[in-house]
C-alpha atoms as a PDB file:
ATOM      1  CA  ASN A   1      -0.005   0.013  -0.011  1.00  0.00           C
ATOM      2  CA  GLN A   2       1.478   3.383  -1.033  1.00  0.00           C
ATOM      3  CA  GLU A   3      -0.690   5.421   1.225  1.00  0.00           C
ATOM      4  CA  ILE A   4       1.383   7.841   3.530  1.00  0.00           C
ATOM      5  CA  ASP A   5       0.347   7.923   7.090  1.00  0.00           C
ATOM      6  CA  ARG A   6       0.796  11.805   7.588  1.00  0.00           C
ATOM      7  CA  ARG A   7       1.587  11.636  11.332  1.00  0.00           C
ATOM      8  CA  THR A   8       3.996   8.827  10.936  1.00  0.00           C
ATOM      9  CA  LEU A   9       5.818  10.710   8.109  1.00  0.00           C
ATOM     10  CA  LEU A  10       6.041  13.934  10.112  1.00  0.00           C
ATOM     11  CA  GLN A  11       7.315  12.144  13.210  1.00  0.00           C
ATOM     12  CA  GLU A  12       9.738   9.846  11.120  1.00  0.00           C
ATOM     13  CA  ARG A  13      11.447  12.738   9.140  1.00  0.00           C
ATOM     14  CA  MET A  14      12.607  14.193  12.476  1.00  0.00           C
ATOM     15  CA  LEU A  15      13.383  10.860  14.183  1.00  0.00           C
ATOM     16  CA  HIS A  16      15.545  10.088  11.235  1.00  0.00           C
ATOM     17  CA  VAL A  17      17.845  13.036  12.233  1.00  0.00           C
ATOM     18  CA  LEU A  18      17.375  12.513  16.034  1.00  0.00           C
ATOM     19  CA  ARG A  19      18.109   8.700  16.093  1.00  0.00           C
ATOM     20  CA  PRO A  20      21.883   8.974  15.373  1.00  0.00           C
ATOM     21  CA  MET A  21      22.094  11.105  18.428  1.00  0.00           C
ATOM     22  CA  GLY A  22      20.405   8.414  20.503  1.00  0.00           C
ATOM     23  CA  ILE A  23      17.040  10.332  20.747  1.00  0.00           C
ATOM     24  CA  ARG A  24      13.852   8.422  20.310  1.00  0.00           C
ATOM     25  CA  ASP A  25      11.305  10.951  21.758  1.00  0.00           C
ATOM     26  CA  THR A  26       8.257  11.116  19.311  1.00  0.00           C
ATOM     27  CA  ARG A  27       6.769  14.177  21.169  1.00  0.00           C
ATOM     28  CA  LEU A  28      10.079  16.135  20.612  1.00  0.00           C
ATOM     29  CA  ALA A  29      10.217  15.036  16.940  1.00  0.00           C
ATOM     30  CA  MET A  30       6.629  16.283  16.453  1.00  0.00           C
ATOM     31  CA  ARG A  31       7.482  19.529  18.358  1.00  0.00           C
ATOM     32  CA  LEU A  32      10.649  20.027  16.177  1.00  0.00           C
ATOM     33  CA  ASN A  33       8.378  19.350  13.158  1.00  0.00           C
ATOM     34  CA  ARG A  34       6.070  22.147  14.028  1.00  0.00           C
ATOM     35  CA  ASP A  35       8.774  24.519  14.688  1.00  0.00           C
ATOM     36  CA  LEU A  36      10.395  23.652  11.341  1.00  0.00           C
ATOM     37  CA  ASN A  37       7.164  24.150   9.451  1.00  0.00           C
ATOM     38  CA  GLU A  38       6.559  27.486  11.193  1.00  0.00           C
ATOM     39  CA  ARG A  39       9.991  28.758  10.330  1.00  0.00           C
ATOM     40  CA  THR A  40      10.086  27.341   6.723  1.00  0.00           C
ATOM     41  CA  THR A  41       6.707  29.289   6.023  1.00  0.00           C
ATOM     42  CA  ARG A  42       7.742  32.461   7.757  1.00  0.00           C
ATOM     43  CA  HIS A  43      11.062  32.907   5.965  1.00  0.00           C
ATOM     44  CA  THR A  44      10.167  32.274   2.179  1.00  0.00           C
ATOM     45  CA  THR A  45      12.238  34.051  -0.384  1.00  0.00           C
ATOM     46  CA  LEU A  46      12.052  33.617  -4.036  1.00  0.00           C
ATOM     47  CA  ILE A  47      14.865  33.542  -6.637  1.00  0.00           C
ATOM     48  CA  PRO A  48      15.224  36.945  -8.223  1.00  0.00           C
ATOM     49  CA  GLY A  49      13.209  37.047 -11.362  1.00  0.00           C
ATOM     50  CA  ALA A  50      10.769  34.270 -10.261  1.00  0.00           C
ATOM     51  CA  THR A  51       7.693  36.280  -9.986  1.00  0.00           C
ATOM     52  CA  GLU A  52       8.321  37.939 -13.437  1.00  0.00           C
ATOM     53  CA  LEU A  53       8.914  34.497 -15.013  1.00  0.00           C
ATOM     54  CA  LEU A  54       5.672  33.047 -13.383  1.00  0.00           C
ATOM     55  CA  GLU A  55       3.761  36.009 -14.577  1.00  0.00           C
ATOM     56  CA  HIS A  56       5.009  35.683 -18.083  1.00  0.00           C
ATOM     57  CA  VAL A  57       4.555  31.796 -18.207  1.00  0.00           C
ATOM     58  CA  SER A  58       1.133  31.734 -16.563  1.00  0.00           C
ATOM     59  CA  ARG A  59      -0.278  33.879 -19.388  1.00  0.00           C
ATOM     60  CA  SER A  60       0.366  31.009 -21.962  1.00  0.00           C
ATOM     61  CA  TYR A  61       0.290  27.861 -19.736  1.00  0.00           C
ATOM     62  CA  ARG A  62      -1.673  26.283 -16.991  1.00  0.00           C
ATOM     63  CA  LEU A  63       0.736  25.985 -13.948  1.00  0.00           C
ATOM     64  CA  PHE A  64       0.565  23.490 -11.040  1.00  0.00           C
ATOM     65  CA  VAL A  65       2.854  22.855  -8.301  1.00  0.00           C
ATOM     66  CA  LEU A  66       3.836  19.197  -7.665  1.00  0.00           C
ATOM     67  CA  SER A  67       5.435  18.600  -4.290  1.00  0.00           C
ATOM     68  CA  ASN A  68       6.192  16.041  -1.659  1.00  0.00           C
ATOM     69  CA  GLY A  69       5.498  18.785   0.966  1.00  0.00           C
ATOM     70  CA  PHE A  70       2.471  19.109   3.075  1.00  0.00           C
ATOM     71  CA  HIS A  71      -0.541  21.349   2.119  1.00  0.00           C
ATOM     72  CA  GLU A  72      -0.604  23.875   4.904  1.00  0.00           C
ATOM     73  CA  VAL A  73       3.262  24.398   4.356  1.00  0.00           C
ATOM     74  CA  GLN A  74       3.254  24.615   0.593  1.00  0.00           C
ATOM     75  CA  SER A  75       0.068  26.799   0.347  1.00  0.00           C
ATOM     76  CA  LEU A  76       1.331  29.138   2.988  1.00  0.00           C
ATOM     77  CA  LYS A  77       4.756  29.503   1.549  1.00  0.00           C
ATOM     78  CA  MET A  78       3.141  30.276  -1.861  1.00  0.00           C
ATOM     79  CA  GLU A  79       0.762  32.878  -0.313  1.00  0.00           C
ATOM     80  CA  ARG A  80       3.581  34.617   1.622  1.00  0.00           C
ATOM     81  CA  ALA A  81       5.790  34.817  -1.417  1.00  0.00           C
ATOM     82  CA  GLY A  82       2.972  36.218  -3.512  1.00  0.00           C
ATOM     83  CA  ILE A  83       2.993  33.531  -6.134  1.00  0.00           C
ATOM     84  CA  ALA A  84      -0.076  31.505  -5.320  1.00  0.00           C
ATOM     85  CA  ARG A  85      -2.175  33.521  -7.920  1.00  0.00           C
ATOM     86  CA  PHE A  86      -0.147  31.966 -10.839  1.00  0.00           C
ATOM     87  CA  PHE A  87      -0.887  28.344 -10.073  1.00  0.00           C
ATOM     88  CA  ARG A  88      -4.096  26.539 -10.913  1.00  0.00           C
ATOM     89  CA  GLY A  89      -3.521  24.124  -7.993  1.00  0.00           C
ATOM     90  CA  LEU A  90      -1.345  22.019  -5.668  1.00  0.00           C
ATOM     91  CA  ILE A  91      -0.684  18.325  -6.329  1.00  0.00           C
ATOM     92  CA  LEU A  92       0.793  16.877  -3.151  1.00  0.00           C
ATOM     93  CA  SER A  93       2.075  13.452  -2.139  1.00  0.00           C
ATOM     94  CA  GLU A  94       0.179  13.476   1.015  1.00  0.00           C
ATOM     95  CA  ARG A  95      -3.160  13.522  -1.173  1.00  0.00           C
ATOM     96  CA  VAL A  96      -1.792  11.185  -3.807  1.00  0.00           C
ATOM     97  CA  GLY A  97      -0.685   8.587  -1.383  1.00  0.00           C
ATOM     98  CA  ALA A  98       2.783   8.393  -3.300  1.00  0.00           C
ATOM     99  CA  ARG A  99       5.756  10.513  -3.463  1.00  0.00           C
ATOM    100  CA  LYS A 100       7.753  11.924  -6.450  1.00  0.00           C
ATOM    101  CA  PRO A 101       9.533  10.125  -8.089  1.00  0.00           C
ATOM    102  CA  ASN A 102       6.973   7.326  -8.026  1.00  0.00           C
ATOM    103  CA  PRO A 103       5.039   7.023 -11.350  1.00  0.00           C
ATOM    104  CA  VAL A 104       1.827   6.782  -9.379  1.00  0.00           C
ATOM    105  CA  PHE A 105       2.389  10.453  -8.344  1.00  0.00           C
ATOM    106  CA  PHE A 106       2.886  11.639 -11.907  1.00  0.00           C
ATOM    107  CA  ASP A 107      -0.068   9.608 -13.267  1.00  0.00           C
ATOM    108  CA  TYR A 108      -2.166  11.234 -10.598  1.00  0.00           C
ATOM    109  CA  ALA A 109      -0.987  14.655 -11.616  1.00  0.00           C
ATOM    110  CA  LEU A 110      -1.836  13.931 -15.339  1.00  0.00           C
ATOM    111  CA  HIS A 111      -5.266  12.601 -14.511  1.00  0.00           C
ATOM    112  CA  HIS A 112      -6.089  15.529 -11.977  1.00  0.00           C
ATOM    113  CA  THR A 113      -5.085  18.212 -14.538  1.00  0.00           C
ATOM    114  CA  ARG A 114      -6.702  16.443 -17.385  1.00  0.00           C
ATOM    115  CA  THR A 115      -3.644  16.416 -19.537  1.00  0.00           C
ATOM    116  CA  ARG A 116      -1.540  13.961 -21.551  1.00  0.00           C
ATOM    117  CA  HIS A 117       2.042  13.074 -21.199  1.00  0.00           C
ATOM    118  CA  THR A 118       2.807  14.882 -24.419  1.00  0.00           C
ATOM    119  CA  GLU A 119       0.957  18.105 -23.207  1.00  0.00           C
ATOM    120  CA  VAL A 120       3.214  18.839 -20.127  1.00  0.00           C
ATOM    121  CA  LEU A 121       6.707  19.779 -19.068  1.00  0.00           C
ATOM    122  CA  MET A 122       7.954  19.158 -15.641  1.00  0.00           C
ATOM    123  CA  ILE A 123      10.184  21.844 -14.277  1.00  0.00           C
ATOM    124  CA  GLY A 124      12.101  21.044 -11.284  1.00  0.00           C
ATOM    125  CA  ASP A 125      15.424  21.436  -9.254  1.00  0.00           C
ATOM    126  CA  SER A 126      15.464  17.992  -8.010  1.00  0.00           C
ATOM    127  CA  TYR A 127      16.982  15.642 -10.537  1.00  0.00           C
ATOM    128  CA  ALA A 128      15.955  12.465  -8.502  1.00  0.00           C
ATOM    129  CA  ALA A 129      12.406  13.515  -7.621  1.00  0.00           C
ATOM    130  CA  ASP A 130      11.369  15.887 -10.292  1.00  0.00           C
ATOM    131  CA  ILE A 131      13.376  15.153 -13.427  1.00  0.00           C
ATOM    132  CA  ALA A 132      13.967  11.288 -13.325  1.00  0.00           C
ATOM    133  CA  GLY A 133      10.389  10.795 -11.929  1.00  0.00           C
ATOM    134  CA  ALA A 134       8.888  12.710 -14.919  1.00  0.00           C
ATOM    135  CA  LEU A 135      11.082  11.114 -17.496  1.00  0.00           C
ATOM    136  CA  ARG A 136      10.383   7.565 -16.161  1.00  0.00           C
ATOM    137  CA  SER A 137       6.596   8.415 -16.378  1.00  0.00           C
ATOM    138  CA  GLY A 138       6.973   9.627 -20.048  1.00  0.00           C
ATOM    139  CA  ILE A 139       6.866  13.333 -19.315  1.00  0.00           C
ATOM    140  CA  ASP A 140       9.234  15.873 -20.817  1.00  0.00           C
ATOM    141  CA  ALA A 141      11.448  17.490 -18.240  1.00  0.00           C
ATOM    142  CA  LEU A 142      13.353  20.667 -17.668  1.00  0.00           C
ATOM    143  CA  TRP A 143      16.020  20.569 -14.982  1.00  0.00           C
ATOM    144  CA  TYR A 144      16.691  23.836 -13.271  1.00  0.00           C
ATOM    145  CA  ASN A 145      20.276  23.304 -12.355  1.00  0.00           C
ATOM    146  CA  PRO A 146      21.817  26.779 -11.160  1.00  0.00           C
ATOM    147  CA  ALA A 147      24.904  25.019  -9.783  1.00  0.00           C
ATOM    148  CA  GLY A 148      25.654  23.414 -13.112  1.00  0.00           C
ATOM    149  CA  LEU A 149      25.999  19.964 -11.584  1.00  0.00           C
ATOM    150  CA  PRO A 150      26.963  17.048 -13.711  1.00  0.00           C
ATOM    151  CA  LEU A 151      24.029  14.750 -14.804  1.00  0.00           C
ATOM    152  CA  PRO A 152      23.685  12.393 -11.776  1.00  0.00           C
ATOM    153  CA  GLY A 153      21.836   9.663 -13.469  1.00  0.00           C
ATOM    154  CA  ASP A 154      21.218   7.886 -16.724  1.00  0.00           C
ATOM    155  CA  LEU A 155      18.135   9.870 -17.899  1.00  0.00           C
ATOM    156  CA  SER A 156      18.652  13.050 -19.646  1.00  0.00           C
ATOM    157  CA  PRO A 157      16.101  15.779 -19.476  1.00  0.00           C
ATOM    158  CA  GLN A 158      14.912  17.531 -22.667  1.00  0.00           C
ATOM    159  CA  PHE A 159      16.209  20.888 -21.301  1.00  0.00           C
ATOM    160  CA  THR A 160      18.863  21.712 -18.616  1.00  0.00           C
ATOM    161  CA  VAL A 161      19.144  25.473 -17.589  1.00  0.00           C
ATOM    162  CA  ARG A 162      21.111  27.457 -15.135  1.00  0.00           C
ATOM    163  CA  THR A 163      19.054  30.628 -15.063  1.00  0.00           C
ATOM    164  CA  LEU A 164      15.453  31.615 -14.845  1.00  0.00           C
ATOM    165  CA  ASP A 165      15.967  33.592 -18.156  1.00  0.00           C
ATOM    166  CA  GLU A 166      16.753  30.377 -19.954  1.00  0.00           C
ATOM    167  CA  ILE A 167      13.438  29.011 -18.843  1.00  0.00           C
ATOM    168  CA  ARG A 168      11.672  32.041 -20.232  1.00  0.00           C
ATOM    169  CA  GLU A 169      13.604  31.677 -23.571  1.00  0.00           C
ATOM    170  CA  ILE A 170      12.454  27.975 -23.875  1.00  0.00           C
ATOM    171  CA  LEU A 171       8.896  28.600 -23.049  1.00  0.00           C
END
């Protein structure tokens, strides 16, 4: 079963960090998780030029956020950054019951957005989750790779860019 137990996931992501230090306190893990979520949403910053790119691209394309994050965190980050208005929706692993790069996640996204593989482009900064996941699902991908890292896997995206201006030129 691919379904994600939300509480277990939240707890385990902190316990994963705490266990090597000999700490197995689940209440502490949940408290740290709440603190992390609060700080993450409070200190959201955008890459310079991101708002302008989204404004430009959203005029011609339907945009969706695909994330392994949680709804309350992702939606609040988008609102506070002032970019929520550019997106038609959020597709989140907690709702899908599978995480990127699982093909189940990408199949759900295609179904939910009523699009075909040939009609979409996955733009992401995580090669493993975003790019390899999309490519294995038959979806074209654009890897935003500002550090210019070497290709870490055997799948090559249709596009690799280092700047937001390059994305704008492609789209």
